[in-house]
Amino acid sequence: MLRNELVGHYRKTGERDKAMASGEAALALVEKLGFGETISAGTTCVNVGTMLSAFGENERALSLFERARPL
């Protein structure tokens, strides 16, 4: 998923707003496309969680890591 890759790119380049927007879009696509219980959803949750953690959003990150754990 392109949005997933953009999350990582923007995290690495320190572009918080773009990273957040891409993360929200990636999570919305997971739901819209019905991927909620797939490995792809787990990967998206980990990527967005890592980005959130990098920008100090640790509580939100933790909830995504917990969501990814069973997937």
Protein backbone atom coordinates (compact mmCIF):
# COMPACT_ATOMS: atom_id res chain seq x y z
CA MET A 1 0.00 0.00 0.00
CA LEU A 2 1.42 3.34 -1.05
CA ARG A 3 0.08 5.14 2.03
CA ASN A 4 1.92 2.65 4.23
CA GLU A 5 5.20 3.50 2.51
CA LEU A 6 4.54 7.23 2.75
CA VAL A 7 4.06 6.91 6.51
CA GLY A 8 7.60 5.58 6.83
CA HIS A 9 9.07 8.10 4.39
CA TYR A 10 7.52 11.09 6.12
CA ARG A 11 8.52 9.73 9.55
CA LYS A 12 12.13 9.40 8.42
CA THR A 13 12.16 12.90 6.93
CA GLY A 14 10.48 14.44 9.99
CA GLU A 15 7.39 15.65 8.13
CA ARG A 16 4.92 15.18 10.97
CA ASP A 17 1.78 16.57 9.32
CA LYS A 18 2.25 14.57 6.13
CA ALA A 19 3.06 11.43 8.14
CA MET A 20 -0.06 11.84 10.27
CA ALA A 21 -2.26 12.41 7.22
CA SER A 22 -0.82 9.36 5.45
CA GLY A 23 -1.25 7.26 8.58
CA GLU A 24 -4.88 8.21 8.98
CA ALA A 25 -5.50 7.54 5.28
CA ALA A 26 -3.79 4.13 5.48
CA LEU A 27 -5.87 3.08 8.48
CA ALA A 28 -9.06 4.29 6.79
CA LEU A 29 -8.21 2.26 3.68
CA VAL A 30 -7.68 -0.88 5.76
CA GLU A 31 -11.23 -0.56 7.02
CA LYS A 32 -12.77 0.58 3.73
CA LEU A 33 -11.24 -2.33 1.83
CA GLY A 34 -12.21 -4.88 4.47
CA PHE A 35 -8.64 -5.80 5.42
CA GLY A 36 -9.26 -5.41 9.17
CA GLU A 37 -8.14 -8.89 10.19
CA THR A 38 -5.30 -9.46 7.72
CA ILE A 39 -1.51 -9.39 7.89
CA SER A 40 -1.68 -6.23 5.77
CA ALA A 41 -3.75 -4.59 8.51
CA GLY A 42 -1.16 -5.68 11.08
CA THR A 43 1.65 -4.20 9.01
CA THR A 44 -0.25 -0.95 8.62
CA CYS A 45 -0.92 -0.75 12.36
CA VAL A 46 2.75 -1.34 13.16
CA ASN A 47 3.90 1.25 10.61
CA VAL A 48 1.46 3.88 11.82
CA GLY A 49 2.22 3.00 15.45
CA THR A 50 5.93 3.42 14.84
CA MET A 51 5.30 6.80 13.24
CA LEU A 52 3.07 7.91 16.11
CA SER A 53 5.70 6.84 18.62
CA ALA A 54 8.38 8.77 16.74
CA PHE A 55 6.28 11.91 17.04
CA GLY A 56 5.49 11.42 20.74
CA GLU A 57 1.97 9.98 20.39
CA ASN A 58 2.78 6.97 22.55
CA GLU A 59 -0.71 6.12 23.80
CA ARG A 60 -2.14 6.08 20.29
CA ALA A 61 0.85 4.04 19.13
CA LEU A 62 0.34 1.47 21.87
CA SER A 63 -3.27 0.88 20.86
CA LEU A 64 -2.18 0.18 17.28
CA PHE A 65 0.59 -2.17 18.40
CA GLU A 66 -1.95 -4.06 20.51
CA ARG A 67 -4.33 -4.22 17.56
CA ALA A 68 -1.55 -5.69 15.38
CA ARG A 69 -0.42 -8.31 17.89
CA PRO A 70 -2.96 -11.06 17.04
CA LEU A 71 -2.68 -10.50 13.30
